[in-house]
């Protein structure tokens, strides 16, 4: 059993293992980065450090949100801090991670980031790997 953060991304409830989460923050001003990949919103200052802000919807191949997300999960990949934008944060709770079964259909980028299923009150929740949302992250995870 592991501890998971439950969040909302693009209208979907997801579970993120706590080992991937450094902190949860409100994101302020984001400075765009010229020629950055589509999923990079820009850079933001956070506690005396600069973080790369990732547009989760763009990383998943989805349309941008109507309203800018203000909450983010801070994760560290190869020593770099990333702010992964989320629509909402729900809960932190322990769950058993089960593998993705053959009957589960994931579309767009969900297939890339999905790593298993946790069950909360009889409802399956997709567990995701944050590194898959970061440019070059799939290669880093392999």
Protein backbone atom coordinates (compact mmCIF):
# COMPACT_ATOMS: atom_id res chain seq x y z
CA UNK A 1 0.00 0.00 0.00
CA UNK A 2 1.29 3.45 -0.91
CA UNK A 3 0.16 7.02 -0.27
CA UNK A 4 -1.46 8.79 -3.26
CA UNK A 5 -2.52 12.37 -3.96
CA UNK A 6 -5.93 12.49 -5.68
CA UNK A 7 -6.30 15.33 -8.20
CA UNK A 8 -8.47 16.46 -11.10
CA UNK A 9 -6.89 16.93 -14.52
CA UNK A 10 -9.02 17.75 -17.59
CA UNK A 11 -12.15 16.56 -15.80
CA UNK A 12 -10.63 13.21 -14.86
CA UNK A 13 -9.81 12.05 -11.35
CA UNK A 14 -6.24 10.77 -11.13
CA UNK A 15 -3.99 9.36 -8.43
CA UNK A 16 -0.34 10.38 -8.10
CA UNK A 17 1.97 8.40 -5.85
CA UNK A 18 3.34 10.65 -3.10
CA UNK A 19 6.95 9.76 -3.99
CA UNK A 20 6.47 11.90 -7.15
CA UNK A 21 5.19 14.92 -5.20
CA UNK A 22 7.55 17.40 -3.59
CA UNK A 23 4.79 19.87 -2.74
CA UNK A 24 1.47 21.35 -3.82
CA UNK A 25 1.39 25.08 -4.56
CA UNK A 26 -0.57 27.97 -5.98
CA UNK A 27 1.11 29.27 -9.13
CA UNK A 28 1.40 33.00 -9.65
CA UNK A 29 2.77 34.80 -12.69
CA UNK A 30 4.08 32.55 -15.46
CA UNK A 31 6.64 34.04 -17.87
CA UNK A 32 6.38 32.49 -21.37
CA UNK A 33 9.49 30.89 -22.86
CA UNK A 34 9.99 31.55 -26.59
CA UNK A 35 10.14 28.42 -28.77
CA UNK A 36 9.33 26.12 -25.87
CA UNK A 37 7.43 22.92 -26.52
CA UNK A 38 3.63 23.18 -26.50
CA UNK A 39 3.25 21.75 -23.00
CA UNK A 40 5.64 24.28 -21.43
CA UNK A 41 3.59 27.29 -20.27
CA UNK A 42 6.72 29.08 -19.12
CA UNK A 43 8.68 29.74 -15.96
CA UNK A 44 7.51 30.81 -12.52
CA UNK A 45 9.27 31.86 -9.34
CA UNK A 46 8.60 29.58 -6.40
CA UNK A 47 10.30 29.89 -3.04
CA UNK A 48 13.52 31.44 -4.39
CA UNK A 49 13.77 29.01 -7.29
CA UNK A 50 12.57 28.94 -10.86
CA UNK A 51 10.25 26.13 -11.92
CA UNK A 52 9.15 25.08 -15.39
CA UNK A 53 5.35 25.20 -15.58
CA UNK A 54 3.75 22.34 -17.52
CA UNK A 55 0.33 22.69 -19.16
CA UNK A 56 -1.01 19.26 -18.31
CA UNK A 57 -3.79 19.39 -20.89
CA UNK A 58 -1.34 20.20 -23.70
CA UNK A 59 1.00 17.44 -22.50
CA UNK A 60 -1.93 15.01 -22.79
CA UNK A 61 -2.79 16.20 -26.30
CA UNK A 62 -6.02 17.86 -25.14
CA UNK A 63 -7.51 21.30 -25.74
CA UNK A 64 -6.46 24.03 -23.31
CA UNK A 65 -8.70 24.79 -20.33
CA UNK A 66 -11.18 27.65 -20.46
CA UNK A 67 -9.69 29.01 -17.22
CA UNK A 68 -6.02 29.01 -16.31
CA UNK A 69 -5.18 26.50 -13.60
CA UNK A 70 -3.78 28.08 -10.46
CA UNK A 71 -2.81 24.94 -8.56
CA UNK A 72 0.20 22.79 -9.31
CA UNK A 73 2.05 19.74 -8.11
CA UNK A 74 5.78 20.28 -7.81
CA UNK A 75 7.85 17.31 -8.93
CA UNK A 76 11.57 16.88 -9.48
CA UNK A 77 12.93 15.11 -12.56
CA UNK A 78 16.69 14.81 -13.03
CA UNK A 79 17.28 17.55 -10.45
CA UNK A 80 14.93 20.05 -12.16
CA UNK A 81 11.73 21.35 -10.57
CA UNK A 82 8.50 21.24 -12.57
CA UNK A 83 5.07 22.64 -11.71
CA UNK A 84 2.43 20.31 -13.14
CA UNK A 85 -0.84 22.25 -13.45
CA UNK A 86 -3.99 20.58 -12.09
CA UNK A 87 -7.65 21.64 -12.08
CA UNK A 88 -8.17 20.71 -8.43
CA UNK A 89 -6.68 18.73 -5.56
CA UNK A 90 -8.89 16.38 -3.63
CA UNK A 91 -7.34 14.11 -1.02
CA UNK A 92 -4.32 12.14 0.15
CA UNK A 93 -4.93 8.52 1.08
CA UNK A 94 -3.27 5.09 1.02
CA UNK A 95 -4.20 2.72 -1.81
CA UNK A 96 -3.00 -0.50 -3.38
CA UNK A 97 -1.82 0.02 -6.95
CA UNK A 98 -3.19 -2.52 -9.42
CA UNK A 99 -1.86 -2.89 -12.98
CA UNK A 100 -3.79 -1.50 -15.92
CA UNK A 101 -5.97 -4.27 -17.28
CA UNK A 102 -6.38 -5.06 -20.97
CA UNK A 103 -10.02 -3.92 -20.87
CA UNK A 104 -9.18 -0.32 -19.93
CA UNK A 105 -9.11 2.03 -22.90
CA UNK A 106 -7.00 5.16 -22.54
CA UNK A 107 -6.89 7.80 -25.23
CA UNK A 108 -4.58 10.66 -26.15
CA UNK A 109 -1.74 11.15 -23.68
CA UNK A 110 -3.47 9.22 -20.91
CA UNK A 111 -2.05 6.04 -22.39
CA UNK A 112 1.46 7.47 -22.03
CA UNK A 113 1.13 8.53 -18.39
CA UNK A 114 -1.16 5.78 -17.05
CA UNK A 115 0.65 3.35 -14.77
CA UNK A 116 -2.11 1.54 -12.92
CA UNK A 117 -5.41 1.77 -11.10
CA UNK A 118 -6.31 2.48 -7.49
CA UNK A 119 -9.80 1.93 -6.15
CA UNK A 120 -11.58 4.48 -3.93
CA UNK A 121 -15.01 3.58 -2.60
CA UNK A 122 -15.42 0.99 -5.37
CA UNK A 123 -14.53 3.48 -8.11
CA UNK A 124 -11.37 2.93 -10.21
CA UNK A 125 -9.00 5.90 -10.46
CA UNK A 126 -6.19 6.11 -13.00
CA UNK A 127 -2.76 6.33 -11.35
CA UNK A 128 -0.38 8.44 -13.45
CA UNK A 129 3.37 9.00 -13.76
CA UNK A 130 4.16 12.75 -13.77
CA UNK A 131 7.44 12.32 -15.67
CA UNK A 132 5.39 11.43 -18.76
CA UNK A 133 4.01 14.99 -18.85
CA UNK A 134 7.44 16.60 -19.08
CA UNK A 135 9.14 17.15 -22.48
CA UNK A 136 11.51 14.23 -22.95
CA UNK A 137 10.04 12.62 -19.85
CA UNK A 138 9.01 9.39 -21.52
CA UNK A 139 12.61 8.74 -22.56
CA UNK A 140 13.82 9.64 -19.05
CA UNK A 141 11.38 7.20 -17.46
CA UNK A 142 12.46 4.28 -19.66
